[in-house]
Amino acid sequence: MTLKLEIFIVGQLENNACILYDEVATKALIIDPSFESQPLLDFIDQNNLTVESILITHGHFDHFAGVSHICASLPNKPTIGLHRADLDLWRAGGGSKEFQILIDLPDEPDIYLEEQQRISLGTSHIEVRTAPGHSSGSVIFYIPDLNTALCGDVIFYHGVGRTDLPGGSYSTLMSSIKKQIFTLPPDTRLIPGHGPETTVKEEMDHNPYLEFSSL
C-alpha cells in the first residue's frame, strides 16, 4: 500500500495536524493545520509532495490557524474544504476573538464538504462523515485503506468534544458518535484533534461520557 499518514502535534493547544499522502503519486492532503505549521511544510518539502487540498474537520480557529501560512508557502495553492454549516464560524475567526488569540484569517473555502462525499488521493479515497454536536459543521474523515478515522473534536481518548460553544449540542454529539463512529469496524484507529489516538472498541467499552443505553 502506498497511502501513508503522518501526524504532527503543533501549536499551543497541541493539535493533531495530519498529512495524508500517496508516496508513489507524491500527492498529499493536509488535515487541520494549526499554529506553528512549519514542520508540515518541512515534511512536504523533504518528501517532494504536492498538496492538493487542505481539509478542515470543523471551524474552530485552532484547526485552521495554519491554513494561510501553508497556502502562502506552497508553489500552488491547494483547495480548502469545510462543511458549509461552519462557514459563518470560519468567517468570524473560529472563536479566536473570544479567546483573545490572533489568527491570520484564510480565504473562503473552495469546496463544501458533504455527507458520504469521497475525496480521492492516488488510488485511495477519504469518506466524509458529518458529525455535528461539537460544532454545527463538524465532520469526520474516514480512510478505509488505513482503517483510520480523523475525528477532529468529536471524540477523544476517553472523552468527547465540548458542547458549550455556539453550535454545540450534547444530544446531537452523542447521536453523531453513535451513527458515524460506532458504526465503523471496532478496530478502527481514531485520531482526535487533540491528545492520544484510540480505537472504536476502546471508546465503546471505556469512554465514561457515553451512555448509549439511553440513545
N, C-alpha and C. Protein backbone atom coordinates (compact mmCIF):
# COMPACT_ATOMS: atom_id res chain seq x y z
N MET A 1 0.84 -1.20 0.00
CA MET A 1 0.00 0.00 0.00
C MET A 1 0.88 1.25 0.00
N THR A 2 0.48 2.22 -0.80
CA THR A 2 1.29 3.43 -0.93
C THR A 2 0.75 4.61 -0.14
N LEU A 3 -0.41 4.42 0.52
CA LEU A 3 -1.01 5.50 1.29
C LEU A 3 -0.42 5.55 2.69
N LYS A 4 -0.02 6.74 3.11
CA LYS A 4 0.62 6.93 4.41
C LYS A 4 -0.01 8.10 5.16
N LEU A 5 0.07 8.06 6.48
CA LEU A 5 -0.45 9.13 7.32
C LEU A 5 0.63 9.57 8.30
N GLU A 6 0.90 10.86 8.32
CA GLU A 6 1.87 11.44 9.25
C GLU A 6 1.13 12.41 10.16
N ILE A 7 1.39 12.31 11.47
CA ILE A 7 0.69 13.14 12.45
C ILE A 7 1.71 14.05 13.14
N PHE A 8 1.36 15.33 13.26
CA PHE A 8 2.22 16.32 13.89
C PHE A 8 1.46 16.96 15.05
N ILE A 9 2.09 17.07 16.20
CA ILE A 9 1.50 17.77 17.34
C ILE A 9 2.04 19.20 17.30
N VAL A 10 1.16 20.15 17.04
CA VAL A 10 1.60 21.52 16.78
C VAL A 10 0.75 22.53 17.57
N GLY A 11 1.37 23.69 17.85
CA GLY A 11 0.66 24.80 18.44
C GLY A 11 0.48 24.70 19.94
N GLN A 12 0.04 25.82 20.52
CA GLN A 12 -0.08 25.90 21.98
C GLN A 12 -1.19 25.02 22.53
N LEU A 13 -2.14 24.63 21.68
CA LEU A 13 -3.21 23.74 22.12
C LEU A 13 -2.93 22.28 21.76
N GLU A 14 -1.73 22.02 21.28
CA GLU A 14 -1.26 20.67 20.95
C GLU A 14 -2.25 19.94 20.04
N ASN A 15 -2.52 20.58 18.91
CA ASN A 15 -3.40 19.98 17.91
C ASN A 15 -2.71 18.85 17.17
N ASN A 16 -3.49 17.85 16.80
CA ASN A 16 -3.00 16.80 15.91
C ASN A 16 -3.29 17.22 14.47
N ALA A 17 -2.28 17.74 13.80
CA ALA A 17 -2.40 18.10 12.39
C ALA A 17 -1.85 16.94 11.57
N CYS A 18 -2.49 16.63 10.45
CA CYS A 18 -2.15 15.41 9.71
C CYS A 18 -1.82 15.69 8.24
N ILE A 19 -0.92 14.89 7.72
CA ILE A 19 -0.67 14.84 6.28
C ILE A 19 -0.97 13.43 5.81
N LEU A 20 -1.90 13.30 4.91
CA LEU A 20 -2.22 12.03 4.27
C LEU A 20 -1.63 12.09 2.87
N TYR A 21 -0.81 11.09 2.51
CA TYR A 21 -0.13 11.19 1.22
C TYR A 21 0.06 9.83 0.57
N ASP A 22 0.13 9.86 -0.74
CA ASP A 22 0.46 8.69 -1.55
C ASP A 22 1.92 8.81 -1.94
N GLU A 23 2.74 7.90 -1.41
CA GLU A 23 4.18 8.06 -1.60
C GLU A 23 4.64 7.75 -3.01
N VAL A 24 3.82 7.09 -3.82
CA VAL A 24 4.16 6.84 -5.22
C VAL A 24 3.71 8.00 -6.09
N ALA A 25 2.47 8.41 -5.92
CA ALA A 25 1.94 9.54 -6.70
C ALA A 25 2.48 10.88 -6.21
N THR A 26 3.05 10.89 -4.99
CA THR A 26 3.57 12.10 -4.32
C THR A 26 2.52 13.20 -4.22
N LYS A 27 1.27 12.79 -4.02
CA LYS A 27 0.18 13.72 -3.79
C LYS A 27 -0.20 13.67 -2.31
N ALA A 28 -0.66 14.81 -1.78
CA ALA A 28 -0.95 14.87 -0.35
C ALA A 28 -2.18 15.72 -0.06
N LEU A 29 -2.79 15.42 1.09
CA LEU A 29 -3.84 16.23 1.69
C LEU A 29 -3.38 16.62 3.09
N ILE A 30 -3.68 17.83 3.50
CA ILE A 30 -3.40 18.28 4.86
C ILE A 30 -4.73 18.40 5.59
N ILE A 31 -4.77 17.89 6.82
CA ILE A 31 -5.98 17.96 7.62
C ILE A 31 -5.71 18.75 8.88
N ASP A 32 -6.47 19.82 9.08
CA ASP A 32 -6.45 20.64 10.30
C ASP A 32 -5.08 21.22 10.65
N PRO A 33 -4.49 21.99 9.76
CA PRO A 33 -3.21 22.63 10.12
C PRO A 33 -3.42 23.74 11.14
N SER A 34 -2.72 23.68 12.23
CA SER A 34 -2.91 24.64 13.31
C SER A 34 -1.74 25.63 13.35
N PHE A 35 -1.55 26.27 14.49
CA PHE A 35 -0.41 27.15 14.68
C PHE A 35 0.90 26.37 14.52
N GLU A 36 1.97 27.10 14.23
CA GLU A 36 3.32 26.51 14.16
C GLU A 36 3.35 25.35 13.16
N SER A 37 2.94 25.65 11.94
CA SER A 37 2.77 24.60 10.93
C SER A 37 4.03 24.34 10.10
N GLN A 38 5.15 24.94 10.44
CA GLN A 38 6.36 24.74 9.65
C GLN A 38 6.78 23.28 9.55
N PRO A 39 6.64 22.48 10.61
CA PRO A 39 7.02 21.06 10.46
C PRO A 39 6.26 20.35 9.34
N LEU A 40 5.02 20.73 9.09
CA LEU A 40 4.27 20.14 7.99
C LEU A 40 4.89 20.54 6.66
N LEU A 41 5.24 21.82 6.53
CA LEU A 41 5.86 22.28 5.29
C LEU A 41 7.21 21.63 5.06
N ASP A 42 7.97 21.43 6.13
CA ASP A 42 9.27 20.76 6.00
C ASP A 42 9.08 19.33 5.52
N PHE A 43 8.10 18.63 6.05
CA PHE A 43 7.83 17.25 5.64
C PHE A 43 7.42 17.20 4.18
N ILE A 44 6.57 18.11 3.77
CA ILE A 44 6.13 18.18 2.38
C ILE A 44 7.32 18.40 1.45
N ASP A 45 8.20 19.29 1.84
CA ASP A 45 9.38 19.58 1.02
C ASP A 45 10.33 18.38 0.97
N GLN A 46 10.58 17.78 2.11
CA GLN A 46 11.52 16.65 2.18
C GLN A 46 11.04 15.45 1.37
N ASN A 47 9.73 15.30 1.24
CA ASN A 47 9.17 14.15 0.53
C ASN A 47 8.66 14.51 -0.87
N ASN A 48 8.96 15.74 -1.30
CA ASN A 48 8.60 16.20 -2.65
C ASN A 48 7.12 15.98 -2.95
N LEU A 49 6.28 16.37 -1.98
CA LEU A 49 4.84 16.16 -2.11
C LEU A 49 4.15 17.38 -2.71
N THR A 50 3.10 17.12 -3.47
CA THR A 50 2.23 18.18 -3.98
C THR A 50 0.94 18.14 -3.17
N VAL A 51 0.63 19.23 -2.50
CA VAL A 51 -0.57 19.30 -1.67
C VAL A 51 -1.76 19.68 -2.54
N GLU A 52 -2.71 18.78 -2.64
CA GLU A 52 -3.88 19.04 -3.48
C GLU A 52 -4.98 19.78 -2.72
N SER A 53 -5.17 19.44 -1.45
CA SER A 53 -6.26 20.05 -0.68
C SER A 53 -5.87 20.18 0.79
N ILE A 54 -6.50 21.14 1.45
CA ILE A 54 -6.47 21.27 2.90
C ILE A 54 -7.89 21.04 3.38
N LEU A 55 -8.09 20.03 4.20
CA LEU A 55 -9.41 19.66 4.69
C LEU A 55 -9.53 19.99 6.17
N ILE A 56 -10.66 20.58 6.54
CA ILE A 56 -10.86 21.05 7.90
C ILE A 56 -12.02 20.28 8.54
N THR A 57 -11.77 19.71 9.72
CA THR A 57 -12.81 18.94 10.38
C THR A 57 -13.93 19.83 10.92
N HIS A 58 -13.59 21.06 11.33
CA HIS A 58 -14.61 21.98 11.82
C HIS A 58 -14.01 23.38 11.94
N GLY A 59 -14.89 24.36 12.18
CA GLY A 59 -14.48 25.75 12.04
C GLY A 59 -13.94 26.44 13.27
N HIS A 60 -13.42 25.73 14.25
CA HIS A 60 -12.77 26.39 15.38
C HIS A 60 -11.33 26.76 15.00
N PHE A 61 -10.91 27.92 15.48
CA PHE A 61 -9.69 28.56 14.99
C PHE A 61 -8.46 27.69 15.07
N ASP A 62 -8.33 26.88 16.10
CA ASP A 62 -7.10 26.11 16.27
C ASP A 62 -6.97 24.99 15.24
N HIS A 63 -8.04 24.73 14.49
CA HIS A 63 -7.99 23.69 13.47
C HIS A 63 -7.74 24.24 12.07
N PHE A 64 -7.69 25.57 11.94
CA PHE A 64 -7.36 26.13 10.63
C PHE A 64 -6.39 27.31 10.72
N ALA A 65 -5.79 27.52 11.89
CA ALA A 65 -4.91 28.68 12.08
C ALA A 65 -3.69 28.66 11.16
N GLY A 66 -3.28 27.49 10.68
CA GLY A 66 -2.11 27.40 9.82
C GLY A 66 -2.40 27.44 8.34
N VAL A 67 -3.68 27.57 7.96
CA VAL A 67 -4.04 27.49 6.55
C VAL A 67 -3.39 28.61 5.73
N SER A 68 -3.47 29.83 6.20
CA SER A 68 -2.92 30.96 5.44
C SER A 68 -1.42 30.81 5.22
N HIS A 69 -0.70 30.45 6.25
CA HIS A 69 0.75 30.30 6.14
C HIS A 69 1.12 29.18 5.17
N ILE A 70 0.41 28.07 5.25
CA ILE A 70 0.69 26.95 4.34
C ILE A 70 0.39 27.35 2.90
N CYS A 71 -0.75 27.96 2.67
CA CYS A 71 -1.11 28.35 1.30
C CYS A 71 -0.10 29.34 0.73
N ALA A 72 0.38 30.26 1.55
CA ALA A 72 1.35 31.25 1.08
C ALA A 72 2.72 30.64 0.82
N SER A 73 2.99 29.49 1.43
CA SER A 73 4.32 28.88 1.34
C SER A 73 4.44 27.84 0.24
N LEU A 74 3.31 27.41 -0.33
CA LEU A 74 3.33 26.38 -1.36
C LEU A 74 3.36 27.01 -2.75
N PRO A 75 3.99 26.34 -3.72
CA PRO A 75 4.05 26.91 -5.08
C PRO A 75 2.68 27.00 -5.75
N ASN A 76 1.79 26.08 -5.42
CA ASN A 76 0.43 26.10 -5.97
C ASN A 76 -0.57 26.03 -4.82
N LYS A 77 -1.54 26.93 -4.82
CA LYS A 77 -2.49 26.99 -3.72
C LYS A 77 -3.43 25.79 -3.76
N PRO A 78 -3.48 25.03 -2.66
CA PRO A 78 -4.42 23.90 -2.61
C PRO A 78 -5.85 24.38 -2.40
N THR A 79 -6.81 23.54 -2.75
CA THR A 79 -8.20 23.85 -2.45
C THR A 79 -8.44 23.64 -0.95
N ILE A 80 -9.38 24.40 -0.42
CA ILE A 80 -9.71 24.33 1.01
C ILE A 80 -11.13 23.77 1.14
N GLY A 81 -11.30 22.76 2.00
CA GLY A 81 -12.60 22.13 2.18
C GLY A 81 -13.12 22.26 3.59
N LEU A 82 -14.37 22.68 3.73
CA LEU A 82 -15.04 22.88 5.02
C LEU A 82 -16.51 22.58 4.84
N HIS A 83 -17.18 22.13 5.89
CA HIS A 83 -18.63 21.96 5.81
C HIS A 83 -19.30 23.34 5.86
N ARG A 84 -20.31 23.51 5.03
CA ARG A 84 -20.96 24.81 4.91
C ARG A 84 -21.56 25.29 6.24
N ALA A 85 -21.98 24.38 7.09
CA ALA A 85 -22.62 24.77 8.35
C ALA A 85 -21.66 25.50 9.29
N ASP A 86 -20.36 25.38 9.04
CA ASP A 86 -19.36 26.09 9.86
C ASP A 86 -18.78 27.29 9.14
N LEU A 87 -19.38 27.70 8.03
CA LEU A 87 -18.83 28.81 7.26
C LEU A 87 -18.89 30.13 8.03
N ASP A 88 -20.01 30.41 8.69
CA ASP A 88 -20.10 31.64 9.47
C ASP A 88 -19.09 31.64 10.61
N LEU A 89 -18.89 30.50 11.23
CA LEU A 89 -17.90 30.37 12.30
C LEU A 89 -16.51 30.65 11.76
N TRP A 90 -16.18 30.09 10.60
CA TRP A 90 -14.91 30.33 9.91
C TRP A 90 -14.72 31.82 9.64
N ARG A 91 -15.74 32.45 9.07
CA ARG A 91 -15.65 33.87 8.72
C ARG A 91 -15.46 34.76 9.94
N ALA A 92 -15.98 34.31 11.08
CA ALA A 92 -15.86 35.09 12.32
C ALA A 92 -14.55 34.82 13.06
N GLY A 93 -13.68 34.02 12.46
CA GLY A 93 -12.40 33.73 13.10
C GLY A 93 -12.39 32.50 13.97
N GLY A 94 -13.46 31.71 13.90
CA GLY A 94 -13.48 30.43 14.59
C GLY A 94 -13.45 30.50 16.10
N GLY A 95 -13.91 31.64 16.66
CA GLY A 95 -13.88 31.79 18.11
C GLY A 95 -12.58 32.38 18.64
N SER A 96 -11.66 32.73 17.75
CA SER A 96 -10.36 33.26 18.18
C SER A 96 -10.50 34.57 18.94
N LYS A 97 -11.45 35.41 18.55
CA LYS A 97 -11.64 36.69 19.22
C LYS A 97 -12.10 36.50 20.65
N GLU A 98 -13.00 35.53 20.85
CA GLU A 98 -13.50 35.27 22.19
C GLU A 98 -12.39 34.79 23.12
N PHE A 99 -11.41 34.08 22.55
CA PHE A 99 -10.29 33.60 23.35
C PHE A 99 -9.10 34.56 23.30
N GLN A 100 -9.29 35.71 22.64
CA GLN A 100 -8.26 36.75 22.52
C GLN A 100 -6.97 36.19 21.93
N ILE A 101 -7.13 35.41 20.87
CA ILE A 101 -6.00 34.85 20.14
C ILE A 101 -6.07 35.34 18.71
N LEU A 102 -5.00 35.91 18.22
CA LEU A 102 -4.97 36.44 16.86
C LEU A 102 -4.61 35.34 15.87
N ILE A 103 -5.36 35.29 14.75
CA ILE A 103 -5.02 34.39 13.66
C ILE A 103 -5.08 35.15 12.35
N ASP A 104 -4.40 34.62 11.36
CA ASP A 104 -4.47 35.16 10.01
C ASP A 104 -5.62 34.46 9.31
N LEU A 105 -6.74 35.16 9.13
CA LEU A 105 -7.94 34.54 8.59
C LEU A 105 -7.71 34.09 7.16
N PRO A 106 -7.94 32.81 6.85
CA PRO A 106 -7.72 32.30 5.49
C PRO A 106 -8.77 32.80 4.50
N ASP A 107 -8.52 32.51 3.24
CA ASP A 107 -9.52 32.76 2.21
C ASP A 107 -10.74 31.88 2.43
N GLU A 108 -11.80 32.20 1.72
CA GLU A 108 -13.02 31.38 1.77
C GLU A 108 -12.72 29.96 1.30
N PRO A 109 -13.42 28.97 1.83
CA PRO A 109 -13.26 27.60 1.33
C PRO A 109 -13.61 27.50 -0.16
N ASP A 110 -12.95 26.57 -0.82
CA ASP A 110 -13.21 26.34 -2.25
C ASP A 110 -14.25 25.26 -2.48
N ILE A 111 -14.33 24.30 -1.54
CA ILE A 111 -15.30 23.22 -1.66
C ILE A 111 -16.01 23.05 -0.32
N TYR A 112 -17.25 22.63 -0.39
CA TYR A 112 -18.03 22.41 0.82
C TYR A 112 -18.26 20.91 1.00
N LEU A 113 -17.85 20.43 2.15
CA LEU A 113 -17.89 19.00 2.43
C LEU A 113 -19.31 18.56 2.74
N GLU A 114 -19.65 17.36 2.28
CA GLU A 114 -20.99 16.83 2.46
C GLU A 114 -20.95 15.37 2.88
N GLU A 115 -22.03 14.91 3.48
CA GLU A 115 -22.15 13.51 3.91
C GLU A 115 -21.91 12.55 2.75
N GLN A 116 -21.06 11.55 3.01
CA GLN A 116 -20.71 10.49 2.07
C GLN A 116 -19.91 10.99 0.85
N GLN A 117 -19.47 12.21 0.90
CA GLN A 117 -18.59 12.70 -0.17
C GLN A 117 -17.28 11.92 -0.15
N ARG A 118 -16.76 11.62 -1.33
CA ARG A 118 -15.49 10.91 -1.44
C ARG A 118 -14.44 11.84 -2.05
N ILE A 119 -13.30 11.89 -1.39
CA ILE A 119 -12.20 12.72 -1.86
C ILE A 119 -11.05 11.79 -2.23
N SER A 120 -10.65 11.82 -3.48
CA SER A 120 -9.65 10.89 -3.98
C SER A 120 -8.23 11.36 -3.68
N LEU A 121 -7.36 10.39 -3.45
CA LEU A 121 -5.93 10.64 -3.31
C LEU A 121 -5.20 9.42 -3.86
N GLY A 122 -4.54 9.57 -5.00
CA GLY A 122 -3.94 8.43 -5.66
C GLY A 122 -5.02 7.41 -6.00
N THR A 123 -4.80 6.17 -5.59
CA THR A 123 -5.80 5.11 -5.83
C THR A 123 -6.73 4.91 -4.64
N SER A 124 -6.60 5.76 -3.61
CA SER A 124 -7.41 5.64 -2.40
C SER A 124 -8.39 6.81 -2.32
N HIS A 125 -9.18 6.80 -1.25
CA HIS A 125 -10.12 7.90 -1.06
C HIS A 125 -10.38 8.11 0.43
N ILE A 126 -10.88 9.31 0.74
CA ILE A 126 -11.38 9.65 2.06
C ILE A 126 -12.89 9.75 1.98
N GLU A 127 -13.56 9.22 2.98
CA GLU A 127 -15.01 9.34 3.06
C GLU A 127 -15.37 10.38 4.11
N VAL A 128 -16.18 11.36 3.73
CA VAL A 128 -16.63 12.40 4.65
C VAL A 128 -17.87 11.90 5.40
N ARG A 129 -17.83 12.02 6.73
CA ARG A 129 -18.98 11.67 7.56
C ARG A 129 -19.35 12.88 8.41
N THR A 130 -20.54 13.41 8.24
CA THR A 130 -20.94 14.57 9.03
C THR A 130 -21.22 14.14 10.47
N ALA A 131 -20.74 14.96 11.42
CA ALA A 131 -20.86 14.61 12.84
C ALA A 131 -21.04 15.86 13.69
N PRO A 132 -22.16 16.57 13.52
CA PRO A 132 -22.39 17.78 14.30
C PRO A 132 -22.55 17.48 15.78
N GLY A 133 -22.45 18.55 16.58
CA GLY A 133 -22.59 18.41 18.03
C GLY A 133 -21.55 19.23 18.76
N HIS A 134 -20.29 19.10 18.37
CA HIS A 134 -19.25 19.98 18.89
C HIS A 134 -19.36 21.33 18.21
N SER A 135 -19.57 21.31 16.91
CA SER A 135 -19.94 22.48 16.13
C SER A 135 -20.99 22.02 15.12
N SER A 136 -21.66 22.97 14.50
CA SER A 136 -22.74 22.60 13.57
C SER A 136 -22.22 21.86 12.36
N GLY A 137 -20.98 22.18 11.93
CA GLY A 137 -20.44 21.60 10.71
C GLY A 137 -19.29 20.63 10.90
N SER A 138 -19.19 20.03 12.07
CA SER A 138 -18.11 19.07 12.31
C SER A 138 -18.24 17.86 11.39
N VAL A 139 -17.10 17.39 10.89
CA VAL A 139 -17.08 16.18 10.07
C VAL A 139 -15.95 15.28 10.54
N ILE A 140 -16.05 14.02 10.15
CA ILE A 140 -15.02 13.02 10.37
C ILE A 140 -14.51 12.59 8.99
N PHE A 141 -13.22 12.37 8.87
CA PHE A 141 -12.64 11.86 7.64
C PHE A 141 -12.24 10.41 7.86
N TYR A 142 -12.96 9.49 7.22
CA TYR A 142 -12.68 8.06 7.34
C TYR A 142 -11.85 7.61 6.15
N ILE A 143 -10.74 6.91 6.44
CA ILE A 143 -9.82 6.44 5.41
C ILE A 143 -9.86 4.92 5.40
N PRO A 144 -10.68 4.31 4.56
CA PRO A 144 -10.85 2.85 4.60
C PRO A 144 -9.55 2.08 4.43
N ASP A 145 -8.68 2.52 3.52
CA ASP A 145 -7.46 1.77 3.25
C ASP A 145 -6.51 1.73 4.44
N LEU A 146 -6.64 2.68 5.36
CA LEU A 146 -5.80 2.71 6.56
C LEU A 146 -6.57 2.31 7.82
N ASN A 147 -7.86 1.99 7.65
CA ASN A 147 -8.70 1.64 8.79
C ASN A 147 -8.58 2.71 9.88
N THR A 148 -8.67 3.96 9.46
CA THR A 148 -8.41 5.10 10.34
C THR A 148 -9.46 6.18 10.10
N ALA A 149 -9.85 6.85 11.19
CA ALA A 149 -10.75 8.00 11.08
C ALA A 149 -10.12 9.19 11.79
N LEU A 150 -10.11 10.34 11.11
CA LEU A 150 -9.64 11.59 11.69
C LEU A 150 -10.86 12.32 12.22
N CYS A 151 -10.92 12.50 13.54
CA CYS A 151 -12.19 12.81 14.20
C CYS A 151 -12.35 14.26 14.64
N GLY A 152 -11.36 15.11 14.43
CA GLY A 152 -11.48 16.46 14.93
C GLY A 152 -11.76 16.44 16.42
N ASP A 153 -12.72 17.27 16.86
CA ASP A 153 -13.05 17.32 18.29
C ASP A 153 -14.37 16.62 18.61
N VAL A 154 -14.75 15.67 17.79
CA VAL A 154 -15.98 14.91 18.05
C VAL A 154 -15.79 13.97 19.22
N ILE A 155 -14.68 13.24 19.22
CA ILE A 155 -14.40 12.26 20.28
C ILE A 155 -12.91 12.27 20.56
N PHE A 156 -12.57 12.01 21.81
CA PHE A 156 -11.17 11.90 22.25
C PHE A 156 -10.97 10.56 22.96
N TYR A 157 -9.73 10.29 23.32
CA TYR A 157 -9.44 9.13 24.15
C TYR A 157 -10.17 9.32 25.48
N HIS A 158 -11.18 8.51 25.73
CA HIS A 158 -11.99 8.54 26.94
C HIS A 158 -12.62 9.92 27.17
N GLY A 159 -12.96 10.61 26.09
CA GLY A 159 -13.59 11.92 26.22
C GLY A 159 -14.39 12.25 24.97
N VAL A 160 -15.10 13.38 25.03
CA VAL A 160 -15.86 13.87 23.88
C VAL A 160 -15.64 15.37 23.77
N GLY A 161 -16.01 15.92 22.62
CA GLY A 161 -15.85 17.34 22.41
C GLY A 161 -16.80 18.16 23.29
N ARG A 162 -16.37 19.35 23.63
CA ARG A 162 -17.22 20.23 24.43
C ARG A 162 -18.41 20.69 23.60
N THR A 163 -19.51 20.97 24.27
CA THR A 163 -20.74 21.34 23.56
C THR A 163 -21.30 22.67 24.07
N ASP A 164 -20.50 23.42 24.81
CA ASP A 164 -20.98 24.68 25.39
C ASP A 164 -20.63 25.90 24.54
N LEU A 165 -20.06 25.68 23.36
CA LEU A 165 -19.74 26.77 22.45
C LEU A 165 -20.87 26.92 21.43
N PRO A 166 -20.96 28.07 20.74
CA PRO A 166 -22.02 28.24 19.74
C PRO A 166 -22.05 27.10 18.72
N GLY A 167 -23.24 26.56 18.48
CA GLY A 167 -23.38 25.44 17.56
C GLY A 167 -23.26 24.08 18.21
N GLY A 168 -22.95 24.08 19.52
CA GLY A 168 -22.78 22.82 20.23
C GLY A 168 -24.09 22.27 20.75
N SER A 169 -24.19 20.94 20.81
CA SER A 169 -25.36 20.26 21.37
C SER A 169 -24.93 18.89 21.84
N TYR A 170 -25.11 18.62 23.13
CA TYR A 170 -24.68 17.34 23.68
C TYR A 170 -25.46 16.17 23.07
N SER A 171 -26.77 16.32 22.96
CA SER A 171 -27.57 15.21 22.42
C SER A 171 -27.22 14.96 20.96
N THR A 172 -26.97 16.04 20.20
CA THR A 172 -26.57 15.88 18.80
C THR A 172 -25.21 15.21 18.70
N LEU A 173 -24.30 15.58 19.57
CA LEU A 173 -22.96 14.97 19.57
C LEU A 173 -23.04 13.48 19.87
N MET A 174 -23.83 13.11 20.87
CA MET A 174 -23.98 11.69 21.21
C MET A 174 -24.54 10.90 20.02
N SER A 175 -25.51 11.49 19.34
CA SER A 175 -26.10 10.83 18.17
C SER A 175 -25.07 10.68 17.06
N SER A 176 -24.26 11.71 16.85
CA SER A 176 -23.23 11.65 15.81
C SER A 176 -22.20 10.57 16.09
N ILE A 177 -21.79 10.47 17.34
CA ILE A 177 -20.81 9.45 17.71
C ILE A 177 -21.38 8.05 17.47
N LYS A 178 -22.61 7.85 17.87
CA LYS A 178 -23.23 6.53 17.69
C LYS A 178 -23.37 6.19 16.21
N LYS A 179 -23.79 7.18 15.41
CA LYS A 179 -24.07 6.93 14.00
C LYS A 179 -22.82 6.89 13.14
N GLN A 180 -21.87 7.77 13.41
CA GLN A 180 -20.76 7.96 12.47
C GLN A 180 -19.43 7.36 12.94
N ILE A 181 -19.28 7.11 14.22
CA ILE A 181 -18.05 6.49 14.72
C ILE A 181 -18.27 5.05 15.13
N PHE A 182 -19.33 4.80 15.88
CA PHE A 182 -19.52 3.45 16.41
C PHE A 182 -20.09 2.49 15.40
N THR A 183 -20.34 2.94 14.18
CA THR A 183 -20.70 2.04 13.09
C THR A 183 -19.48 1.63 12.27
N LEU A 184 -18.31 2.18 12.60
CA LEU A 184 -17.07 1.76 11.94
C LEU A 184 -16.60 0.44 12.55
N PRO A 185 -15.71 -0.28 11.86
CA PRO A 185 -15.19 -1.53 12.43
C PRO A 185 -14.56 -1.28 13.81
N PRO A 186 -14.72 -2.20 14.76
CA PRO A 186 -14.24 -1.98 16.13
C PRO A 186 -12.75 -1.66 16.23
N ASP A 187 -11.94 -2.20 15.32
CA ASP A 187 -10.51 -1.95 15.41
C ASP A 187 -10.07 -0.69 14.66
N THR A 188 -11.04 0.13 14.22
CA THR A 188 -10.70 1.35 13.51
C THR A 188 -9.89 2.28 14.42
N ARG A 189 -8.80 2.77 13.90
CA ARG A 189 -7.95 3.72 14.60
C ARG A 189 -8.61 5.10 14.57
N LEU A 190 -8.74 5.74 15.71
CA LEU A 190 -9.33 7.07 15.82
C LEU A 190 -8.25 8.09 16.17
N ILE A 191 -8.09 9.10 15.32
CA ILE A 191 -7.14 10.16 15.58
C ILE A 191 -7.93 11.41 15.94
N PRO A 192 -7.94 11.81 17.20
CA PRO A 192 -8.71 13.00 17.59
C PRO A 192 -7.94 14.28 17.27
N GLY A 193 -8.63 15.40 17.45
CA GLY A 193 -7.98 16.68 17.19
C GLY A 193 -6.92 17.04 18.19
N HIS A 194 -6.98 16.44 19.37
CA HIS A 194 -6.00 16.67 20.43
C HIS A 194 -5.83 15.36 21.20
N GLY A 195 -4.63 15.14 21.72
CA GLY A 195 -4.41 14.01 22.60
C GLY A 195 -4.13 12.70 21.88
N PRO A 196 -4.01 11.62 22.65
CA PRO A 196 -3.59 10.33 22.09
C PRO A 196 -4.67 9.70 21.23
N GLU A 197 -4.23 8.84 20.32
CA GLU A 197 -5.17 8.10 19.48
C GLU A 197 -5.84 7.00 20.28
N THR A 198 -6.91 6.47 19.72
CA THR A 198 -7.65 5.41 20.38
C THR A 198 -8.28 4.53 19.30
N THR A 199 -9.24 3.71 19.67
CA THR A 199 -9.95 2.87 18.70
C THR A 199 -11.44 2.93 19.00
N VAL A 200 -12.23 2.50 18.03
CA VAL A 200 -13.67 2.44 18.22
C VAL A 200 -14.02 1.55 19.41
N LYS A 201 -13.42 0.37 19.47
CA LYS A 201 -13.74 -0.57 20.55
C LYS A 201 -13.38 0.00 21.91
N GLU A 202 -12.23 0.65 21.99
CA GLU A 202 -11.80 1.23 23.27
C GLU A 202 -12.82 2.24 23.78
N GLU A 203 -13.32 3.08 22.89
CA GLU A 203 -14.28 4.09 23.32
C GLU A 203 -15.66 3.50 23.59
N MET A 204 -16.05 2.50 22.84
CA MET A 204 -17.32 1.84 23.12
C MET A 204 -17.30 1.17 24.49
N ASP A 205 -16.15 0.64 24.86
CA ASP A 205 -16.05 -0.12 26.11
C ASP A 205 -15.74 0.75 27.32
N HIS A 206 -15.01 1.87 27.12
CA HIS A 206 -14.44 2.57 28.28
C HIS A 206 -14.64 4.07 28.32
N ASN A 207 -15.29 4.67 27.33
CA ASN A 207 -15.47 6.12 27.38
C ASN A 207 -16.53 6.47 28.42
N PRO A 208 -16.17 7.17 29.50
CA PRO A 208 -17.11 7.40 30.59
C PRO A 208 -18.21 8.41 30.27
N TYR A 209 -18.06 9.15 29.16
CA TYR A 209 -19.05 10.17 28.79
C TYR A 209 -20.20 9.62 27.96
N LEU A 210 -20.07 8.39 27.52
CA LEU A 210 -21.02 7.86 26.55
C LEU A 210 -21.92 6.82 27.22
N GLU A 211 -23.20 7.13 27.26
CA GLU A 211 -24.18 6.22 27.82
C GLU A 211 -25.15 5.85 26.71
N PHE A 212 -24.76 4.88 25.91
CA PHE A 212 -25.55 4.60 24.72
C PHE A 212 -26.80 3.78 25.00
N SER A 213 -26.91 3.27 26.21
CA SER A 213 -28.14 2.53 26.52
C SER A 213 -29.35 3.46 26.48
N SER A 214 -29.13 4.77 26.63
CA SER A 214 -30.23 5.73 26.66
C SER A 214 -30.49 6.35 25.29
N LEU A 215 -29.68 5.98 24.27
CA LEU A 215 -29.85 6.58 22.95
C LEU A 215 -30.71 5.71 22.07
